[in-house]
Amino acid sequence: MLSISISQIKYILALHKTGSFSEAAAQCFVTQSTLSTMIKKLENQFDFKLFDRNSKPIRLTKEGHLVIAQFKNIDSQFEKLEELVQETKDEMHGTLSIGIIPTLAPFLLPLFLDKLVSSYLNINFHIHEITTREIVTRLRSKDLDIGILSVPITEKDLIQKTLFTEEFFVYDASDNIKPNKIFKIEDIDVSRLWLLEESHCLSHQIDQICHLKKKRTQANNLIYNGGSIHSLLEFVKINKGLTLVPKLAIANKVLVDSDLIFKLKSPVPAREIGIVTHPDFVKRRILKALEKEIKSAVKPFLSKARKVFIVKPD
């Protein structure tokens, strides 16, 4: 009968991830000899090698590949049990890993993160500013606990909940735009339109709003690449172009030129921002606290009066 400790499983997963005994030992807070000995003991029980120690970095053997998925599943279930016990005992500690899209992170995080972190001093918050695609991938592999992004997403195996809706506005740096002008979508000159690089879901949403695919034959220099909304707005201003931006990105009038912000005619295109988790996530109390803090933080910035239509992220 096999006798396997959860520590041995964590050692194996760490070695698989790092490909180095020294790095895996440091990650597990044990000596290299302890980690090596414990893995060797398990290999002796199995009567086959899990790792090819002659390769650099160290890699799984054929037999190791057959069992590593089960080790990951056992480790995941054990962590889920630990989290459930914490919730039951009303104790919260450990690590919470959150992924958030770049077109939202610089505008949303300052509104709530400090208060949340101060309220849960025993939790280490790891924040990752990454694209929607990477958030989904890392949620599925359970490298992330929570994603904050534009929803709905098409992945039905993940749990998603809408937090708030934010309208799009026109940011136009042309010299001949009248103050207080309200744009119709068909008014937007796509030949002057600047977008973020295509990996950002915001570009896909603007593509839908402006029907760019139909108009691309009419404008050879349609899309410009940029890395962030802040740099995008600067390029628009310098080149007297225009772009579309969500409400929170222009809420701070110190960072943007308010004279260049224009409303769109109702019904207004808008995006939904939500929280996404993997099905095994059990830290419900901290999730509810996160939802409450975000909703409270954005409430003063969002309009309720106008009719909107939701633009999907992809």
C-alpha atoms as a PDB file:
ATOM      1  CA  MET A   1       0.000   0.000   0.000  1.00  0.00           C
ATOM      2  CA  LEU A   2       1.323   3.422  -0.972  1.00  0.00           C
ATOM      3  CA  SER A   3       2.177   5.945   1.721  1.00  0.00           C
ATOM      4  CA  ILE A   4       2.395   9.479   0.288  1.00  0.00           C
ATOM      5  CA  SER A   5       2.514  12.733   2.240  1.00  0.00           C
ATOM      6  CA  ILE A   6       1.188  16.030   0.934  1.00  0.00           C
ATOM      7  CA  SER A   7       4.723  17.391   1.458  1.00  0.00           C
ATOM      8  CA  GLN A   8       6.110  14.861  -1.010  1.00  0.00           C
ATOM      9  CA  ILE A   9       3.511  15.880  -3.566  1.00  0.00           C
ATOM     10  CA  LYS A  10       4.399  19.558  -3.111  1.00  0.00           C
ATOM     11  CA  TYR A  11       8.111  18.731  -3.504  1.00  0.00           C
ATOM     12  CA  ILE A  12       7.421  16.888  -6.754  1.00  0.00           C
ATOM     13  CA  LEU A  13       5.277  19.705  -8.118  1.00  0.00           C
ATOM     14  CA  ALA A  14       7.919  22.281  -7.180  1.00  0.00           C
ATOM     15  CA  LEU A  15      10.668  20.292  -8.915  1.00  0.00           C
ATOM     16  CA  HIS A  16       8.458  19.851 -11.971  1.00  0.00           C
ATOM     17  CA  LYS A  17       7.824  23.602 -12.070  1.00  0.00           C
ATOM     18  CA  THR A  18      11.395  24.794 -11.497  1.00  0.00           C
ATOM     19  CA  GLY A  19      13.460  22.000 -13.050  1.00  0.00           C
ATOM     20  CA  SER A  20      16.035  22.534 -10.276  1.00  0.00           C
ATOM     21  CA  PHE A  21      16.498  20.813  -6.909  1.00  0.00           C
ATOM     22  CA  SER A  22      17.917  23.973  -5.330  1.00  0.00           C
ATOM     23  CA  GLU A  23      15.091  26.222  -6.591  1.00  0.00           C
ATOM     24  CA  ALA A  24      12.421  23.679  -5.638  1.00  0.00           C
ATOM     25  CA  ALA A  25      13.895  23.329  -2.139  1.00  0.00           C
ATOM     26  CA  ALA A  26      13.941  27.111  -1.689  1.00  0.00           C
ATOM     27  CA  GLN A  27      10.333  27.327  -2.887  1.00  0.00           C
ATOM     28  CA  CYS A  28       9.299  24.658  -0.353  1.00  0.00           C
ATOM     29  CA  PHE A  29      11.426  26.122   2.488  1.00  0.00           C
ATOM     30  CA  VAL A  30      13.394  22.889   3.032  1.00  0.00           C
ATOM     31  CA  THR A  31      16.988  21.853   2.428  1.00  0.00           C
ATOM     32  CA  GLN A  32      17.931  20.403  -0.934  1.00  0.00           C
ATOM     33  CA  SER A  33      18.883  17.083   0.659  1.00  0.00           C
ATOM     34  CA  THR A  34      15.482  16.810   2.391  1.00  0.00           C
ATOM     35  CA  LEU A  35      13.608  17.444  -0.825  1.00  0.00           C
ATOM     36  CA  SER A  36      15.783  15.017  -2.792  1.00  0.00           C
ATOM     37  CA  THR A  37      15.465  12.290  -0.144  1.00  0.00           C
ATOM     38  CA  MET A  38      11.681  12.547   0.091  1.00  0.00           C
ATOM     39  CA  ILE A  39      11.240  12.382  -3.681  1.00  0.00           C
ATOM     40  CA  LYS A  40      13.620   9.414  -3.830  1.00  0.00           C
ATOM     41  CA  LYS A  41      11.579   7.582  -1.157  1.00  0.00           C
ATOM     42  CA  LEU A  42       8.422   7.981  -3.210  1.00  0.00           C
ATOM     43  CA  GLU A  43      10.171   6.801  -6.368  1.00  0.00           C
ATOM     44  CA  ASN A  44      11.278   3.692  -4.475  1.00  0.00           C
ATOM     45  CA  GLN A  45       7.660   3.006  -3.525  1.00  0.00           C
ATOM     46  CA  PHE A  46       6.556   3.389  -7.125  1.00  0.00           C
ATOM     47  CA  ASP A  47       9.513   1.364  -8.346  1.00  0.00           C
ATOM     48  CA  PHE A  48      10.112   3.822 -11.188  1.00  0.00           C
ATOM     49  CA  LYS A  49      11.754   7.217 -11.627  1.00  0.00           C
ATOM     50  CA  LEU A  50       9.624  10.363 -11.738  1.00  0.00           C
ATOM     51  CA  PHE A  51      12.433  12.625 -12.982  1.00  0.00           C
ATOM     52  CA  ASP A  52      15.321  12.380 -15.423  1.00  0.00           C
ATOM     53  CA  ARG A  53      18.097  13.829 -13.289  1.00  0.00           C
ATOM     54  CA  ASN A  54      20.569  13.896 -16.197  1.00  0.00           C
ATOM     55  CA  SER A  55      18.582  16.515 -18.130  1.00  0.00           C
ATOM     56  CA  LYS A  56      19.010  20.259 -17.584  1.00  0.00           C
ATOM     57  CA  PRO A  57      16.607  21.521 -16.507  1.00  0.00           C
ATOM     58  CA  ILE A  58      15.409  18.354 -14.749  1.00  0.00           C
ATOM     59  CA  ARG A  59      12.410  16.896 -16.559  1.00  0.00           C
ATOM     60  CA  LEU A  60       9.730  14.312 -15.909  1.00  0.00           C
ATOM     61  CA  THR A  61      10.232  10.790 -17.156  1.00  0.00           C
ATOM     62  CA  LYS A  62       7.581   9.092 -19.260  1.00  0.00           C
ATOM     63  CA  GLU A  63       6.203   7.524 -16.071  1.00  0.00           C
ATOM     64  CA  GLY A  64       6.348  10.885 -14.309  1.00  0.00           C
ATOM     65  CA  HIS A  65       4.151  12.441 -16.995  1.00  0.00           C
ATOM     66  CA  LEU A  66       1.539   9.757 -16.329  1.00  0.00           C
ATOM     67  CA  VAL A  67       1.115  10.666 -12.650  1.00  0.00           C
ATOM     68  CA  ILE A  68       1.833  14.425 -12.489  1.00  0.00           C
ATOM     69  CA  ALA A  69      -1.740  15.426 -13.354  1.00  0.00           C
ATOM     70  CA  GLN A  70      -3.027  13.348 -10.435  1.00  0.00           C
ATOM     71  CA  PHE A  71      -0.501  14.978  -8.111  1.00  0.00           C
ATOM     72  CA  LYS A  72      -1.743  18.401  -9.217  1.00  0.00           C
ATOM     73  CA  ASN A  73      -5.323  17.365  -8.570  1.00  0.00           C
ATOM     74  CA  ILE A  74      -4.517  16.009  -5.083  1.00  0.00           C
ATOM     75  CA  ASP A  75      -2.633  19.202  -4.200  1.00  0.00           C
ATOM     76  CA  SER A  76      -5.519  21.337  -5.462  1.00  0.00           C
ATOM     77  CA  GLN A  77      -8.076  19.366  -3.444  1.00  0.00           C
ATOM     78  CA  PHE A  78      -5.938  19.604  -0.307  1.00  0.00           C
ATOM     79  CA  GLU A  79      -5.621  23.385  -0.700  1.00  0.00           C
ATOM     80  CA  LYS A  80      -9.369  23.570  -1.197  1.00  0.00           C
ATOM     81  CA  LEU A  81      -9.858  21.633   2.060  1.00  0.00           C
ATOM     82  CA  GLU A  82      -7.492  23.994   3.899  1.00  0.00           C
ATOM     83  CA  GLU A  83      -9.398  27.022   2.582  1.00  0.00           C
ATOM     84  CA  LEU A  84     -12.726  25.481   3.559  1.00  0.00           C
ATOM     85  CA  VAL A  85     -11.470  24.879   7.114  1.00  0.00           C
ATOM     86  CA  GLN A  86     -10.335  28.509   7.334  1.00  0.00           C
ATOM     87  CA  GLU A  87     -13.732  29.724   6.151  1.00  0.00           C
ATOM     88  CA  THR A  88     -15.519  27.481   8.660  1.00  0.00           C
ATOM     89  CA  LYS A  89     -13.337  28.720  11.537  1.00  0.00           C
ATOM     90  CA  ASP A  90     -13.751  32.330  10.362  1.00  0.00           C
ATOM     91  CA  GLU A  91     -10.001  32.588   9.822  1.00  0.00           C
ATOM     92  CA  MET A  92      -8.469  34.115   6.722  1.00  0.00           C
ATOM     93  CA  HIS A  93      -4.785  33.845   5.903  1.00  0.00           C
ATOM     94  CA  GLY A  94      -2.559  32.730   3.062  1.00  0.00           C
ATOM     95  CA  THR A  95      -2.291  34.122  -0.454  1.00  0.00           C
ATOM     96  CA  LEU A  96      -4.905  35.575  -2.803  1.00  0.00           C
ATOM     97  CA  SER A  97      -3.794  35.850  -6.407  1.00  0.00           C
ATOM     98  CA  ILE A  98      -5.749  38.341  -8.551  1.00  0.00           C
ATOM     99  CA  GLY A  99      -5.407  38.976 -12.287  1.00  0.00           C
ATOM    100  CA  ILE A 100      -6.744  42.231 -13.751  1.00  0.00           C
ATOM    101  CA  ILE A 101      -6.733  43.522 -17.326  1.00  0.00           C
ATOM    102  CA  PRO A 102      -4.373  46.448 -18.133  1.00  0.00           C
ATOM    103  CA  THR A 103      -7.176  48.716 -19.407  1.00  0.00           C
ATOM    104  CA  LEU A 104      -8.752  48.564 -15.942  1.00  0.00           C
ATOM    105  CA  ALA A 105      -5.936  48.068 -13.411  1.00  0.00           C
ATOM    106  CA  PRO A 106      -4.520  51.638 -13.184  1.00  0.00           C
ATOM    107  CA  PHE A 107      -7.974  53.171 -12.773  1.00  0.00           C
ATOM    108  CA  LEU A 108      -9.797  50.640 -10.583  1.00  0.00           C
ATOM    109  CA  LEU A 109      -7.112  49.350  -8.188  1.00  0.00           C
ATOM    110  CA  PRO A 110      -6.355  52.731  -6.551  1.00  0.00           C
ATOM    111  CA  LEU A 111     -10.043  53.082  -5.678  1.00  0.00           C
ATOM    112  CA  PHE A 112     -10.295  50.036  -3.416  1.00  0.00           C
ATOM    113  CA  LEU A 113      -7.110  47.996  -3.018  1.00  0.00           C
ATOM    114  CA  ASP A 114      -5.524  49.828  -0.081  1.00  0.00           C
ATOM    115  CA  LYS A 115      -8.678  49.527   2.022  1.00  0.00           C
ATOM    116  CA  LEU A 116      -9.063  45.823   1.198  1.00  0.00           C
ATOM    117  CA  VAL A 117      -5.440  45.005   2.035  1.00  0.00           C
ATOM    118  CA  SER A 118      -5.689  46.938   5.314  1.00  0.00           C
ATOM    119  CA  SER A 119      -8.789  44.943   6.293  1.00  0.00           C
ATOM    120  CA  TYR A 120      -7.137  41.544   5.736  1.00  0.00           C
ATOM    121  CA  LEU A 121      -3.633  41.817   7.153  1.00  0.00           C
ATOM    122  CA  ASN A 122      -3.126  38.031   7.267  1.00  0.00           C
ATOM    123  CA  ILE A 123      -3.646  37.645   3.526  1.00  0.00           C
ATOM    124  CA  ASN A 124      -0.854  38.248   1.028  1.00  0.00           C
ATOM    125  CA  PHE A 125      -2.406  39.841  -2.072  1.00  0.00           C
ATOM    126  CA  HIS A 126      -0.602  39.100  -5.353  1.00  0.00           C
ATOM    127  CA  ILE A 127      -1.825  41.359  -8.176  1.00  0.00           C
ATOM    128  CA  HIS A 128      -1.059  40.513 -11.815  1.00  0.00           C
ATOM    129  CA  GLU A 129      -1.797  42.993 -14.618  1.00  0.00           C
ATOM    130  CA  ILE A 130      -2.340  40.641 -17.571  1.00  0.00           C
ATOM    131  CA  THR A 131      -4.545  40.168 -20.622  1.00  0.00           C
ATOM    132  CA  THR A 132      -7.915  38.433 -20.656  1.00  0.00           C
ATOM    133  CA  ARG A 133      -6.468  35.411 -22.418  1.00  0.00           C
ATOM    134  CA  GLU A 134      -3.769  34.958 -19.787  1.00  0.00           C
ATOM    135  CA  ILE A 135      -6.259  35.429 -16.940  1.00  0.00           C
ATOM    136  CA  VAL A 136      -8.459  32.663 -18.343  1.00  0.00           C
ATOM    137  CA  THR A 137      -5.491  30.331 -18.861  1.00  0.00           C
ATOM    138  CA  ARG A 138      -4.169  30.882 -15.345  1.00  0.00           C
ATOM    139  CA  LEU A 139      -7.607  30.540 -13.739  1.00  0.00           C
ATOM    140  CA  ARG A 140      -8.045  27.181 -15.419  1.00  0.00           C
ATOM    141  CA  SER A 141      -4.644  25.993 -14.201  1.00  0.00           C
ATOM    142  CA  LYS A 142      -5.450  27.492 -10.754  1.00  0.00           C
ATOM    143  CA  ASP A 143      -2.382  29.714 -10.825  1.00  0.00           C
ATOM    144  CA  LEU A 144      -4.873  32.549 -10.223  1.00  0.00           C
ATOM    145  CA  ASP A 145      -7.706  32.694  -7.709  1.00  0.00           C
ATOM    146  CA  ILE A 146      -9.661  35.611  -9.161  1.00  0.00           C
ATOM    147  CA  GLY A 147      -9.835  37.507 -12.440  1.00  0.00           C
ATOM    148  CA  ILE A 148     -11.201  41.050 -12.800  1.00  0.00           C
ATOM    149  CA  LEU A 149     -11.958  41.686 -16.459  1.00  0.00           C
ATOM    150  CA  SER A 150     -14.519  42.525 -19.104  1.00  0.00           C
ATOM    151  CA  VAL A 151     -17.355  39.984 -19.215  1.00  0.00           C
ATOM    152  CA  PRO A 152     -19.053  37.897 -20.406  1.00  0.00           C
ATOM    153  CA  ILE A 153     -16.333  35.467 -21.410  1.00  0.00           C
ATOM    154  CA  THR A 154     -17.114  32.362 -23.431  1.00  0.00           C
ATOM    155  CA  GLU A 155     -15.497  29.871 -21.042  1.00  0.00           C
ATOM    156  CA  LYS A 156     -18.471  28.161 -19.372  1.00  0.00           C
ATOM    157  CA  ASP A 157     -16.292  26.174 -16.946  1.00  0.00           C
ATOM    158  CA  LEU A 158     -15.390  29.364 -15.071  1.00  0.00           C
ATOM    159  CA  ILE A 159     -17.732  31.193 -12.695  1.00  0.00           C
ATOM    160  CA  GLN A 160     -18.382  34.832 -13.603  1.00  0.00           C
ATOM    161  CA  LYS A 161     -20.349  37.634 -11.981  1.00  0.00           C
ATOM    162  CA  THR A 162     -20.914  41.190 -13.219  1.00  0.00           C
ATOM    163  CA  LEU A 163     -19.772  44.003 -10.899  1.00  0.00           C
ATOM    164  CA  PHE A 164     -20.568  47.185 -12.830  1.00  0.00           C
ATOM    165  CA  THR A 165     -21.147  48.677 -16.254  1.00  0.00           C
ATOM    166  CA  GLU A 166     -19.107  51.575 -17.623  1.00  0.00           C
ATOM    167  CA  GLU A 167     -19.900  53.663 -20.685  1.00  0.00           C
ATOM    168  CA  PHE A 168     -17.520  54.491 -23.510  1.00  0.00           C
ATOM    169  CA  PHE A 169     -16.642  58.091 -24.332  1.00  0.00           C
ATOM    170  CA  VAL A 170     -14.957  59.698 -27.328  1.00  0.00           C
ATOM    171  CA  TYR A 171     -11.552  61.282 -26.727  1.00  0.00           C
ATOM    172  CA  ASP A 172     -11.013  63.605 -29.700  1.00  0.00           C
ATOM    173  CA  ALA A 173      -8.027  65.960 -30.053  1.00  0.00           C
ATOM    174  CA  SER A 174      -9.119  67.602 -33.305  1.00  0.00           C
ATOM    175  CA  ASP A 175      -8.906  71.406 -33.443  1.00  0.00           C
ATOM    176  CA  ASN A 176     -12.346  71.830 -35.012  1.00  0.00           C
ATOM    177  CA  ILE A 177     -14.553  69.849 -32.625  1.00  0.00           C
ATOM    178  CA  LYS A 178     -17.197  72.009 -30.966  1.00  0.00           C
ATOM    179  CA  PRO A 179     -17.440  71.985 -27.160  1.00  0.00           C
ATOM    180  CA  ASN A 180     -20.279  69.813 -25.773  1.00  0.00           C
ATOM    181  CA  LYS A 181     -20.596  67.937 -29.069  1.00  0.00           C
ATOM    182  CA  ILE A 182     -22.379  64.605 -28.711  1.00  0.00           C
ATOM    183  CA  PHE A 183     -21.080  61.996 -31.135  1.00  0.00           C
ATOM    184  CA  LYS A 184     -23.083  59.491 -33.072  1.00  0.00           C
ATOM    185  CA  ILE A 185     -21.179  56.300 -33.721  1.00  0.00           C
ATOM    186  CA  GLU A 186     -21.378  56.977 -37.444  1.00  0.00           C
ATOM    187  CA  ASP A 187     -19.696  60.374 -36.835  1.00  0.00           C
ATOM    188  CA  ILE A 188     -16.447  58.710 -35.776  1.00  0.00           C
ATOM    189  CA  ASP A 189     -13.723  59.189 -38.381  1.00  0.00           C
ATOM    190  CA  VAL A 190     -12.067  55.763 -38.445  1.00  0.00           C
ATOM    191  CA  SER A 191      -9.091  57.128 -40.401  1.00  0.00           C
ATOM    192  CA  ARG A 192      -8.104  59.095 -37.269  1.00  0.00           C
ATOM    193  CA  LEU A 193      -8.880  56.314 -34.803  1.00  0.00           C
ATOM    194  CA  TRP A 194      -6.149  55.042 -32.499  1.00  0.00           C
ATOM    195  CA  LEU A 195      -6.391  51.676 -30.721  1.00  0.00           C
ATOM    196  CA  LEU A 196      -4.390  49.642 -28.258  1.00  0.00           C
ATOM    197  CA  GLU A 197      -2.593  46.604 -29.632  1.00  0.00           C
ATOM    198  CA  GLU A 198      -4.890  43.754 -30.619  1.00  0.00           C
ATOM    199  CA  SER A 199      -4.174  41.582 -27.555  1.00  0.00           C
ATOM    200  CA  HIS A 200      -6.307  43.971 -25.479  1.00  0.00           C
ATOM    201  CA  CYS A 201     -10.022  43.130 -25.346  1.00  0.00           C
ATOM    202  CA  LEU A 202     -10.729  46.879 -25.448  1.00  0.00           C
ATOM    203  CA  SER A 203      -9.575  46.949 -29.084  1.00  0.00           C
ATOM    204  CA  HIS A 204     -12.036  44.194 -29.955  1.00  0.00           C
ATOM    205  CA  GLN A 205     -14.825  46.136 -28.272  1.00  0.00           C
ATOM    206  CA  ILE A 206     -14.049  49.340 -30.156  1.00  0.00           C
ATOM    207  CA  ASP A 207     -13.872  47.250 -33.325  1.00  0.00           C
ATOM    208  CA  GLN A 208     -17.483  46.188 -32.689  1.00  0.00           C
ATOM    209  CA  ILE A 209     -18.694  49.674 -31.791  1.00  0.00           C
ATOM    210  CA  CYS A 210     -17.257  51.350 -34.893  1.00  0.00           C
ATOM    211  CA  HIS A 211     -17.876  48.443 -37.304  1.00  0.00           C
ATOM    212  CA  LEU A 212     -14.221  48.621 -38.269  1.00  0.00           C
ATOM    213  CA  LYS A 213     -14.121  45.398 -40.259  1.00  0.00           C
ATOM    214  CA  LYS A 214     -16.558  46.868 -42.764  1.00  0.00           C
ATOM    215  CA  LYS A 215     -14.636  50.144 -42.985  1.00  0.00           C
ATOM    216  CA  ARG A 216     -11.056  48.907 -43.190  1.00  0.00           C
ATOM    217  CA  THR A 217     -11.011  49.109 -46.964  1.00  0.00           C
ATOM    218  CA  GLN A 218     -11.810  52.809 -46.642  1.00  0.00           C
ATOM    219  CA  ALA A 219      -8.831  53.612 -44.382  1.00  0.00           C
ATOM    220  CA  ASN A 220      -5.348  52.211 -44.950  1.00  0.00           C
ATOM    221  CA  ASN A 221      -3.867  53.630 -41.759  1.00  0.00           C
ATOM    222  CA  LEU A 222      -6.670  52.598 -39.417  1.00  0.00           C
ATOM    223  CA  ILE A 223      -4.985  50.911 -36.449  1.00  0.00           C
ATOM    224  CA  TYR A 224      -2.062  52.181 -34.369  1.00  0.00           C
ATOM    225  CA  ASN A 225      -0.495  50.097 -31.616  1.00  0.00           C
ATOM    226  CA  GLY A 226      -0.071  51.328 -28.060  1.00  0.00           C
ATOM    227  CA  GLY A 227       0.818  49.756 -24.746  1.00  0.00           C
ATOM    228  CA  SER A 228      -1.494  51.491 -22.241  1.00  0.00           C
ATOM    229  CA  ILE A 229      -4.474  53.808 -22.176  1.00  0.00           C
ATOM    230  CA  HIS A 230      -2.350  56.628 -20.736  1.00  0.00           C
ATOM    231  CA  SER A 231       0.164  56.420 -23.594  1.00  0.00           C
ATOM    232  CA  LEU A 232      -2.682  55.994 -26.079  1.00  0.00           C
ATOM    233  CA  LEU A 233      -4.323  59.247 -24.955  1.00  0.00           C
ATOM    234  CA  GLU A 234      -1.006  61.071 -25.246  1.00  0.00           C
ATOM    235  CA  PHE A 235      -0.498  59.814 -28.813  1.00  0.00           C
ATOM    236  CA  VAL A 236      -4.061  60.827 -29.693  1.00  0.00           C
ATOM    237  CA  LYS A 237      -3.470  64.322 -28.341  1.00  0.00           C
ATOM    238  CA  ILE A 238      -0.113  64.801 -30.099  1.00  0.00           C
ATOM    239  CA  ASN A 239      -1.415  63.529 -33.446  1.00  0.00           C
ATOM    240  CA  LYS A 240      -4.860  65.187 -33.208  1.00  0.00           C
ATOM    241  CA  GLY A 241      -6.504  61.798 -33.472  1.00  0.00           C
ATOM    242  CA  LEU A 242      -9.350  60.204 -31.547  1.00  0.00           C
ATOM    243  CA  THR A 243     -10.141  57.056 -29.641  1.00  0.00           C
ATOM    244  CA  LEU A 244     -12.832  55.533 -27.447  1.00  0.00           C
ATOM    245  CA  VAL A 245     -12.198  55.048 -23.744  1.00  0.00           C
ATOM    246  CA  PRO A 246     -14.213  53.613 -20.823  1.00  0.00           C
ATOM    247  CA  LYS A 247     -15.472  55.894 -18.061  1.00  0.00           C
ATOM    248  CA  LEU A 248     -13.000  55.022 -15.291  1.00  0.00           C
ATOM    249  CA  ALA A 249     -10.062  55.790 -17.592  1.00  0.00           C
ATOM    250  CA  ILE A 250     -11.142  59.435 -17.824  1.00  0.00           C
ATOM    251  CA  ALA A 251     -12.549  59.880 -14.320  1.00  0.00           C
ATOM    252  CA  ASN A 252      -9.318  61.439 -13.050  1.00  0.00           C
ATOM    253  CA  LYS A 253      -9.306  64.872 -14.687  1.00  0.00           C
ATOM    254  CA  VAL A 254      -5.712  65.459 -13.553  1.00  0.00           C
ATOM    255  CA  LEU A 255      -4.493  62.721 -15.893  1.00  0.00           C
ATOM    256  CA  VAL A 256      -6.644  63.547 -18.921  1.00  0.00           C
ATOM    257  CA  ASP A 257      -7.663  66.703 -20.757  1.00  0.00           C
ATOM    258  CA  SER A 258     -11.350  67.092 -19.938  1.00  0.00           C
ATOM    259  CA  ASP A 259     -11.848  69.409 -22.947  1.00  0.00           C
ATOM    260  CA  LEU A 260     -11.212  66.438 -25.243  1.00  0.00           C
ATOM    261  CA  ILE A 261     -13.862  64.158 -23.707  1.00  0.00           C
ATOM    262  CA  PHE A 262     -17.189  63.851 -25.544  1.00  0.00           C
ATOM    263  CA  LYS A 263     -20.321  61.808 -24.938  1.00  0.00           C
ATOM    264  CA  LEU A 264     -21.817  59.336 -27.365  1.00  0.00           C
ATOM    265  CA  LYS A 265     -25.479  59.529 -28.305  1.00  0.00           C
ATOM    266  CA  SER A 266     -27.843  57.140 -26.516  1.00  0.00           C
ATOM    267  CA  PRO A 267     -27.975  54.147 -26.557  1.00  0.00           C
ATOM    268  CA  VAL A 268     -24.372  54.335 -25.398  1.00  0.00           C
ATOM    269  CA  PRO A 269     -21.881  51.489 -25.944  1.00  0.00           C
ATOM    270  CA  ALA A 270     -20.645  50.137 -22.615  1.00  0.00           C
ATOM    271  CA  ARG A 271     -18.624  47.271 -21.212  1.00  0.00           C
ATOM    272  CA  GLU A 272     -19.428  45.076 -18.233  1.00  0.00           C
ATOM    273  CA  ILE A 273     -16.689  44.463 -15.675  1.00  0.00           C
ATOM    274  CA  GLY A 274     -16.906  41.321 -13.607  1.00  0.00           C
ATOM    275  CA  ILE A 275     -15.170  38.861 -11.323  1.00  0.00           C
ATOM    276  CA  VAL A 276     -14.256  35.410 -12.613  1.00  0.00           C
ATOM    277  CA  THR A 277     -13.148  32.451 -10.469  1.00  0.00           C
ATOM    278  CA  HIS A 278     -12.375  28.802 -11.034  1.00  0.00           C
ATOM    279  CA  PRO A 279     -15.029  26.319  -9.804  1.00  0.00           C
ATOM    280  CA  ASP A 280     -12.916  25.111  -6.849  1.00  0.00           C
ATOM    281  CA  PHE A 281     -12.443  28.562  -5.327  1.00  0.00           C
ATOM    282  CA  VAL A 282     -13.795  28.482  -1.771  1.00  0.00           C
ATOM    283  CA  LYS A 283     -12.688  31.752  -0.141  1.00  0.00           C
ATOM    284  CA  ARG A 284     -16.217  33.094  -0.314  1.00  0.00           C
ATOM    285  CA  ARG A 285     -15.848  35.633   2.473  1.00  0.00           C
ATOM    286  CA  ILE A 286     -12.937  37.467   0.881  1.00  0.00           C
ATOM    287  CA  LEU A 287     -14.669  37.242  -2.507  1.00  0.00           C
ATOM    288  CA  LYS A 288     -17.774  38.946  -1.102  1.00  0.00           C
ATOM    289  CA  ALA A 289     -15.590  41.597   0.525  1.00  0.00           C
ATOM    290  CA  LEU A 290     -13.827  42.225  -2.775  1.00  0.00           C
ATOM    291  CA  GLU A 291     -17.136  42.566  -4.626  1.00  0.00           C
ATOM    292  CA  LYS A 292     -18.471  44.984  -1.992  1.00  0.00           C
ATOM    293  CA  GLU A 293     -15.346  47.177  -2.021  1.00  0.00           C
ATOM    294  CA  ILE A 294     -15.265  47.427  -5.817  1.00  0.00           C
ATOM    295  CA  LYS A 295     -18.965  48.260  -6.169  1.00  0.00           C
ATOM    296  CA  SER A 296     -18.734  50.897  -3.455  1.00  0.00           C
ATOM    297  CA  ALA A 297     -15.564  52.416  -4.932  1.00  0.00           C
ATOM    298  CA  VAL A 298     -16.879  52.839  -8.496  1.00  0.00           C
ATOM    299  CA  LYS A 299     -20.390  54.010  -7.633  1.00  0.00           C
ATOM    300  CA  PRO A 300     -19.574  57.763  -7.619  1.00  0.00           C
ATOM    301  CA  PHE A 301     -18.027  57.550 -11.105  1.00  0.00           C
ATOM    302  CA  LEU A 302     -20.689  55.666 -13.037  1.00  0.00           C
ATOM    303  CA  SER A 303     -23.797  57.060 -14.698  1.00  0.00           C
ATOM    304  CA  LYS A 304     -27.186  55.409 -14.266  1.00  0.00           C
ATOM    305  CA  ALA A 305     -29.373  57.683 -16.348  1.00  0.00           C
ATOM    306  CA  ARG A 306     -28.497  56.798 -19.934  1.00  0.00           C
ATOM    307  CA  LYS A 307     -29.529  53.776 -21.953  1.00  0.00           C
ATOM    308  CA  VAL A 308     -26.607  51.522 -22.899  1.00  0.00           C
ATOM    309  CA  PHE A 309     -25.880  48.487 -25.041  1.00  0.00           C
ATOM    310  CA  ILE A 310     -23.210  46.027 -23.881  1.00  0.00           C
ATOM    311  CA  VAL A 311     -20.208  45.375 -26.088  1.00  0.00           C
ATOM    312  CA  LYS A 312     -18.686  41.928 -25.534  1.00  0.00           C
ATOM    313  CA  PRO A 313     -14.918  41.659 -24.999  1.00  0.00           C
ATOM    314  CA  ASP A 314     -14.289  39.313 -27.919  1.00  0.00           C
END
